[in-house]
């Protein structure tokens, strides 16, 4: 189907990671230039907007958030374009919001609650990080904050790597826990008391 030019743009805040230190521990995240974020594509079906697949975009900037002692989510801004595809042969059109590129903007949200991940390992005091792509990627079904504009949020996904890390500075003997997998390969990790 031939495509028509974009109709408008929107910059969306996109969650790419979370940390949950406890006690006197602190944590932060690092996101490096050239790394990929995969976010949802929204398609207008006639009855409303639905997510229809995903698209990956490479970052052209880097960011290291400061250490923080509470639960926090980390966000980057992704620019979306609204596109319309029309088939003149069949007389029908489709409209979608599609990610274009990272804007360089960042943010965070201090969280008021913690998950209950229970797949844990004991860890000693000192630095601990999750940076290997051999495990599960971070993913969040409502990671792209779009609900205020189209009625739904879209998914976000970011693979761990040497440039996409979560760091914990662990104070005292603790446990690191993953959501359904051991913390060295889990998509989300949290710190817990022993």
C-alpha atoms as a PDB file:
ATOM      1  CA  UNK A   1       0.000   0.000   0.000  1.00  0.00           C
ATOM      2  CA  UNK A   2       1.399   3.444  -0.807  1.00  0.00           C
ATOM      3  CA  UNK A   3       2.149   5.557   2.248  1.00  0.00           C
ATOM      4  CA  UNK A   4       1.181   9.131   2.861  1.00  0.00           C
ATOM      5  CA  UNK A   5       3.389  11.554   4.843  1.00  0.00           C
ATOM      6  CA  UNK A   6       3.246  11.533   8.637  1.00  0.00           C
ATOM      7  CA  UNK A   7       0.406  13.488  10.200  1.00  0.00           C
ATOM      8  CA  UNK A   8       2.056  14.550  13.476  1.00  0.00           C
ATOM      9  CA  UNK A   9       4.695  13.715  16.086  1.00  0.00           C
ATOM     10  CA  UNK A  10       4.661  12.852  19.793  1.00  0.00           C
ATOM     11  CA  UNK A  11       7.550  12.367  22.240  1.00  0.00           C
ATOM     12  CA  UNK A  12       6.846   9.482  24.625  1.00  0.00           C
ATOM     13  CA  UNK A  13       8.517   8.646  27.927  1.00  0.00           C
ATOM     14  CA  UNK A  14       9.678   5.014  27.769  1.00  0.00           C
ATOM     15  CA  UNK A  15      10.659   2.820  30.725  1.00  0.00           C
ATOM     16  CA  UNK A  16      13.877   0.857  30.116  1.00  0.00           C
ATOM     17  CA  UNK A  17      14.731  -0.461  33.584  1.00  0.00           C
ATOM     18  CA  UNK A  18      14.032  -0.526  37.321  1.00  0.00           C
ATOM     19  CA  UNK A  19      16.071  -0.851  40.523  1.00  0.00           C
ATOM     20  CA  UNK A  20      14.947  -1.799  44.028  1.00  0.00           C
ATOM     21  CA  UNK A  21      17.698  -1.402  46.660  1.00  0.00           C
ATOM     22  CA  UNK A  22      16.974  -1.897  50.380  1.00  0.00           C
ATOM     23  CA  UNK A  23      18.484  -0.632  53.617  1.00  0.00           C
ATOM     24  CA  UNK A  24      21.537   1.559  53.038  1.00  0.00           C
ATOM     25  CA  UNK A  25      22.197   0.149  49.552  1.00  0.00           C
ATOM     26  CA  UNK A  26      21.964   2.362  46.457  1.00  0.00           C
ATOM     27  CA  UNK A  27      21.486   1.600  42.763  1.00  0.00           C
ATOM     28  CA  UNK A  28      21.565   3.245  39.350  1.00  0.00           C
ATOM     29  CA  UNK A  29      21.348   2.469  35.636  1.00  0.00           C
ATOM     30  CA  UNK A  30      23.596   3.129  32.651  1.00  0.00           C
ATOM     31  CA  UNK A  31      22.353   3.429  29.043  1.00  0.00           C
ATOM     32  CA  UNK A  32      24.935   3.842  26.263  1.00  0.00           C
ATOM     33  CA  UNK A  33      24.980   5.327  22.789  1.00  0.00           C
ATOM     34  CA  UNK A  34      24.313   2.842  20.003  1.00  0.00           C
ATOM     35  CA  UNK A  35      22.131   0.553  22.144  1.00  0.00           C
ATOM     36  CA  UNK A  36      18.673  -0.489  21.015  1.00  0.00           C
ATOM     37  CA  UNK A  37      15.263   0.011  22.563  1.00  0.00           C
ATOM     38  CA  UNK A  38      12.313  -1.953  21.150  1.00  0.00           C
ATOM     39  CA  UNK A  39       8.932  -0.287  21.567  1.00  0.00           C
ATOM     40  CA  UNK A  40       5.364  -0.941  20.497  1.00  0.00           C
ATOM     41  CA  UNK A  41       3.635   0.181  17.310  1.00  0.00           C
ATOM     42  CA  UNK A  42       0.010   1.310  17.706  1.00  0.00           C
ATOM     43  CA  UNK A  43      -2.501   0.578  14.922  1.00  0.00           C
ATOM     44  CA  UNK A  44      -5.939   2.176  14.557  1.00  0.00           C
ATOM     45  CA  UNK A  45      -8.406  -0.644  13.848  1.00  0.00           C
ATOM     46  CA  UNK A  46     -11.571   1.424  13.460  1.00  0.00           C
ATOM     47  CA  UNK A  47     -12.770   0.459  16.924  1.00  0.00           C
ATOM     48  CA  UNK A  48      -9.767   1.913  18.749  1.00  0.00           C
ATOM     49  CA  UNK A  49      -5.984   1.732  19.057  1.00  0.00           C
ATOM     50  CA  UNK A  50      -4.214  -1.601  19.586  1.00  0.00           C
ATOM     51  CA  UNK A  51      -0.560  -2.572  19.702  1.00  0.00           C
ATOM     52  CA  UNK A  52       0.412  -4.248  16.459  1.00  0.00           C
ATOM     53  CA  UNK A  53       4.012  -5.416  16.692  1.00  0.00           C
ATOM     54  CA  UNK A  54       7.176  -3.565  17.735  1.00  0.00           C
ATOM     55  CA  UNK A  55      10.017  -1.597  16.166  1.00  0.00           C
ATOM     56  CA  UNK A  56      13.604  -1.134  17.357  1.00  0.00           C
ATOM     57  CA  UNK A  57      15.438   2.199  17.462  1.00  0.00           C
ATOM     58  CA  UNK A  58      19.114   2.849  18.234  1.00  0.00           C
ATOM     59  CA  UNK A  59      20.123   5.486  20.768  1.00  0.00           C
ATOM     60  CA  UNK A  60      22.473   8.272  19.681  1.00  0.00           C
ATOM     61  CA  UNK A  61      23.341   9.336  23.236  1.00  0.00           C
ATOM     62  CA  UNK A  62      24.301   7.894  26.606  1.00  0.00           C
ATOM     63  CA  UNK A  63      23.140   8.436  30.178  1.00  0.00           C
ATOM     64  CA  UNK A  64      24.269   7.312  33.626  1.00  0.00           C
ATOM     65  CA  UNK A  65      21.697   8.016  36.323  1.00  0.00           C
ATOM     66  CA  UNK A  66      22.878   8.925  39.831  1.00  0.00           C
ATOM     67  CA  UNK A  67      22.801   6.455  42.706  1.00  0.00           C
ATOM     68  CA  UNK A  68      19.488   6.336  44.548  1.00  0.00           C
ATOM     69  CA  UNK A  69      18.436   4.451  47.663  1.00  0.00           C
ATOM     70  CA  UNK A  70      14.772   3.850  46.816  1.00  0.00           C
ATOM     71  CA  UNK A  71      12.762   2.007  44.170  1.00  0.00           C
ATOM     72  CA  UNK A  72      13.038   3.757  40.810  1.00  0.00           C
ATOM     73  CA  UNK A  73      12.234   3.333  37.110  1.00  0.00           C
ATOM     74  CA  UNK A  74      14.488   4.780  34.397  1.00  0.00           C
ATOM     75  CA  UNK A  75      13.145   6.377  31.234  1.00  0.00           C
ATOM     76  CA  UNK A  76      14.296   7.634  27.848  1.00  0.00           C
ATOM     77  CA  UNK A  77      12.255   9.716  25.425  1.00  0.00           C
ATOM     78  CA  UNK A  78      11.336   8.219  22.056  1.00  0.00           C
ATOM     79  CA  UNK A  79       9.886  10.289  19.226  1.00  0.00           C
ATOM     80  CA  UNK A  80       6.863   8.713  17.525  1.00  0.00           C
ATOM     81  CA  UNK A  81       5.381   9.614  14.169  1.00  0.00           C
ATOM     82  CA  UNK A  82       1.758   9.129  13.181  1.00  0.00           C
ATOM     83  CA  UNK A  83       1.514   7.626   9.696  1.00  0.00           C
ATOM     84  CA  UNK A  84      -1.350   6.837   7.372  1.00  0.00           C
ATOM     85  CA  UNK A  85      -1.248   4.135   4.690  1.00  0.00           C
ATOM     86  CA  UNK A  86      -3.945   4.114   2.049  1.00  0.00           C
ATOM     87  CA  UNK A  87      -4.748   1.571  -0.641  1.00  0.00           C
ATOM     88  CA  UNK A  88      -6.306   3.419  -3.526  1.00  0.00           C
ATOM     89  CA  UNK A  89      -7.112   0.103  -5.175  1.00  0.00           C
ATOM     90  CA  UNK A  90      -9.230  -1.126  -2.240  1.00  0.00           C
ATOM     91  CA  UNK A  91     -10.284   2.257  -0.917  1.00  0.00           C
ATOM     92  CA  UNK A  92      -9.061   1.616   2.640  1.00  0.00           C
ATOM     93  CA  UNK A  93      -6.584   3.282   4.987  1.00  0.00           C
ATOM     94  CA  UNK A  94      -4.642   2.317   8.098  1.00  0.00           C
ATOM     95  CA  UNK A  95      -3.184   4.707  10.661  1.00  0.00           C
ATOM     96  CA  UNK A  96      -0.402   3.910  13.104  1.00  0.00           C
ATOM     97  CA  UNK A  97       1.940   5.475  15.644  1.00  0.00           C
ATOM     98  CA  UNK A  98       5.475   4.207  15.038  1.00  0.00           C
ATOM     99  CA  UNK A  99       8.759   4.929  16.922  1.00  0.00           C
ATOM    100  CA  UNK A 100      11.264   6.991  14.944  1.00  0.00           C
ATOM    101  CA  UNK A 101      14.296   7.707  17.146  1.00  0.00           C
ATOM    102  CA  UNK A 102      15.549   8.569  20.644  1.00  0.00           C
ATOM    103  CA  UNK A 103      15.393  12.286  21.375  1.00  0.00           C
ATOM    104  CA  UNK A 104      18.197  12.341  23.965  1.00  0.00           C
ATOM    105  CA  UNK A 105      15.766  13.204  26.751  1.00  0.00           C
ATOM    106  CA  UNK A 106      15.693  11.115  29.924  1.00  0.00           C
ATOM    107  CA  UNK A 107      13.711  10.858  33.132  1.00  0.00           C
ATOM    108  CA  UNK A 108      12.878   8.665  36.097  1.00  0.00           C
ATOM    109  CA  UNK A 109      10.011   7.823  38.401  1.00  0.00           C
ATOM    110  CA  UNK A 110      10.447   7.165  42.118  1.00  0.00           C
ATOM    111  CA  UNK A 111       8.238   4.167  42.855  1.00  0.00           C
ATOM    112  CA  UNK A 112       6.020   3.778  45.903  1.00  0.00           C
ATOM    113  CA  UNK A 113       5.830  -0.024  45.808  1.00  0.00           C
ATOM    114  CA  UNK A 114       8.142  -2.980  45.291  1.00  0.00           C
ATOM    115  CA  UNK A 115       7.565  -6.310  43.530  1.00  0.00           C
ATOM    116  CA  UNK A 116       7.831  -9.642  45.318  1.00  0.00           C
ATOM    117  CA  UNK A 117      10.432 -11.441  43.198  1.00  0.00           C
ATOM    118  CA  UNK A 118      11.326 -14.706  44.909  1.00  0.00           C
ATOM    119  CA  UNK A 119      14.019 -16.416  42.818  1.00  0.00           C
ATOM    120  CA  UNK A 120      16.975 -15.332  44.931  1.00  0.00           C
ATOM    121  CA  UNK A 121      20.682 -15.763  45.585  1.00  0.00           C
ATOM    122  CA  UNK A 122      22.687 -14.631  48.609  1.00  0.00           C
ATOM    123  CA  UNK A 123      25.190 -11.869  47.817  1.00  0.00           C
ATOM    124  CA  UNK A 124      28.061 -10.245  49.702  1.00  0.00           C
ATOM    125  CA  UNK A 125      28.412  -6.527  50.308  1.00  0.00           C
ATOM    126  CA  UNK A 126      29.862  -4.454  47.465  1.00  0.00           C
ATOM    127  CA  UNK A 127      29.109  -3.709  43.797  1.00  0.00           C
ATOM    128  CA  UNK A 128      26.739  -6.015  41.885  1.00  0.00           C
ATOM    129  CA  UNK A 129      25.550  -5.510  38.313  1.00  0.00           C
ATOM    130  CA  UNK A 130      23.475  -7.116  35.592  1.00  0.00           C
ATOM    131  CA  UNK A 131      24.957  -6.605  32.112  1.00  0.00           C
ATOM    132  CA  UNK A 132      24.895  -9.864  30.123  1.00  0.00           C
ATOM    133  CA  UNK A 133      22.774 -10.322  27.000  1.00  0.00           C
ATOM    134  CA  UNK A 134      22.778 -14.097  27.552  1.00  0.00           C
ATOM    135  CA  UNK A 135      19.851 -13.754  29.952  1.00  0.00           C
ATOM    136  CA  UNK A 136      16.358 -12.309  29.575  1.00  0.00           C
ATOM    137  CA  UNK A 137      15.877  -8.767  28.284  1.00  0.00           C
ATOM    138  CA  UNK A 138      14.102  -6.178  30.415  1.00  0.00           C
ATOM    139  CA  UNK A 139      10.504  -5.856  29.225  1.00  0.00           C
ATOM    140  CA  UNK A 140       7.434  -3.956  30.380  1.00  0.00           C
ATOM    141  CA  UNK A 141       4.021  -4.264  28.724  1.00  0.00           C
ATOM    142  CA  UNK A 142       3.102  -0.658  29.578  1.00  0.00           C
ATOM    143  CA  UNK A 143       6.561   0.864  29.187  1.00  0.00           C
ATOM    144  CA  UNK A 144       5.697   3.508  26.558  1.00  0.00           C
ATOM    145  CA  UNK A 145       3.447   6.096  28.187  1.00  0.00           C
ATOM    146  CA  UNK A 146       0.840   6.711  25.472  1.00  0.00           C
ATOM    147  CA  UNK A 147      -2.451   6.181  27.342  1.00  0.00           C
ATOM    148  CA  UNK A 148      -3.211   9.880  27.734  1.00  0.00           C
ATOM    149  CA  UNK A 149      -3.049  10.333  23.944  1.00  0.00           C
ATOM    150  CA  UNK A 150      -4.459   7.124  22.425  1.00  0.00           C
ATOM    151  CA  UNK A 151      -6.031   5.301  25.381  1.00  0.00           C
ATOM    152  CA  UNK A 152      -3.385   2.551  25.731  1.00  0.00           C
ATOM    153  CA  UNK A 153       0.260   2.262  26.745  1.00  0.00           C
ATOM    154  CA  UNK A 154       2.675   0.317  24.528  1.00  0.00           C
ATOM    155  CA  UNK A 155       5.379  -2.210  25.378  1.00  0.00           C
ATOM    156  CA  UNK A 156       9.094  -1.531  25.833  1.00  0.00           C
ATOM    157  CA  UNK A 157      12.046  -3.923  25.734  1.00  0.00           C
ATOM    158  CA  UNK A 158      15.780  -3.411  26.296  1.00  0.00           C
ATOM    159  CA  UNK A 159      18.466  -6.077  26.225  1.00  0.00           C
ATOM    160  CA  UNK A 160      21.191  -6.055  28.867  1.00  0.00           C
ATOM    161  CA  UNK A 161      24.735  -5.555  27.567  1.00  0.00           C
ATOM    162  CA  UNK A 162      28.065  -4.007  28.507  1.00  0.00           C
ATOM    163  CA  UNK A 163      26.483  -0.640  27.717  1.00  0.00           C
ATOM    164  CA  UNK A 164      23.073  -1.310  29.257  1.00  0.00           C
ATOM    165  CA  UNK A 165      23.674  -2.069  32.921  1.00  0.00           C
ATOM    166  CA  UNK A 166      21.969  -2.048  36.294  1.00  0.00           C
ATOM    167  CA  UNK A 167      24.318  -1.385  39.243  1.00  0.00           C
ATOM    168  CA  UNK A 168      23.729  -2.042  42.932  1.00  0.00           C
ATOM    169  CA  UNK A 169      26.132  -0.956  45.684  1.00  0.00           C
ATOM    170  CA  UNK A 170      25.115  -3.491  48.316  1.00  0.00           C
ATOM    171  CA  UNK A 171      25.587  -2.604  51.966  1.00  0.00           C
ATOM    172  CA  UNK A 172      25.761  -5.688  54.175  1.00  0.00           C
ATOM    173  CA  UNK A 173      24.755  -9.265  53.372  1.00  0.00           C
ATOM    174  CA  UNK A 174      21.639  -9.323  51.208  1.00  0.00           C
ATOM    175  CA  UNK A 175      19.839 -11.324  48.529  1.00  0.00           C
ATOM    176  CA  UNK A 176      19.421 -10.437  44.858  1.00  0.00           C
ATOM    177  CA  UNK A 177      16.203 -11.785  43.359  1.00  0.00           C
ATOM    178  CA  UNK A 178      14.823 -12.150  39.847  1.00  0.00           C
ATOM    179  CA  UNK A 179      11.299 -12.268  38.467  1.00  0.00           C
ATOM    180  CA  UNK A 180      10.932 -15.978  37.770  1.00  0.00           C
ATOM    181  CA  UNK A 181      14.620 -16.577  36.984  1.00  0.00           C
ATOM    182  CA  UNK A 182      17.836 -16.348  38.962  1.00  0.00           C
ATOM    183  CA  UNK A 183      19.060 -12.740  39.190  1.00  0.00           C
ATOM    184  CA  UNK A 184      22.061 -13.251  36.891  1.00  0.00           C
ATOM    185  CA  UNK A 185      19.735 -13.950  33.944  1.00  0.00           C
ATOM    186  CA  UNK A 186      16.366 -12.439  34.989  1.00  0.00           C
ATOM    187  CA  UNK A 187      14.709  -9.610  33.088  1.00  0.00           C
ATOM    188  CA  UNK A 188      14.054  -7.665  36.308  1.00  0.00           C
ATOM    189  CA  UNK A 189      16.021  -7.839  39.562  1.00  0.00           C
ATOM    190  CA  UNK A 190      15.590  -6.513  43.080  1.00  0.00           C
ATOM    191  CA  UNK A 191      17.537  -6.491  46.327  1.00  0.00           C
ATOM    192  CA  UNK A 192      16.064  -8.039  49.463  1.00  0.00           C
ATOM    193  CA  UNK A 193      17.147  -8.462  53.057  1.00  0.00           C
ATOM    194  CA  UNK A 194      18.482 -11.914  53.971  1.00  0.00           C
END
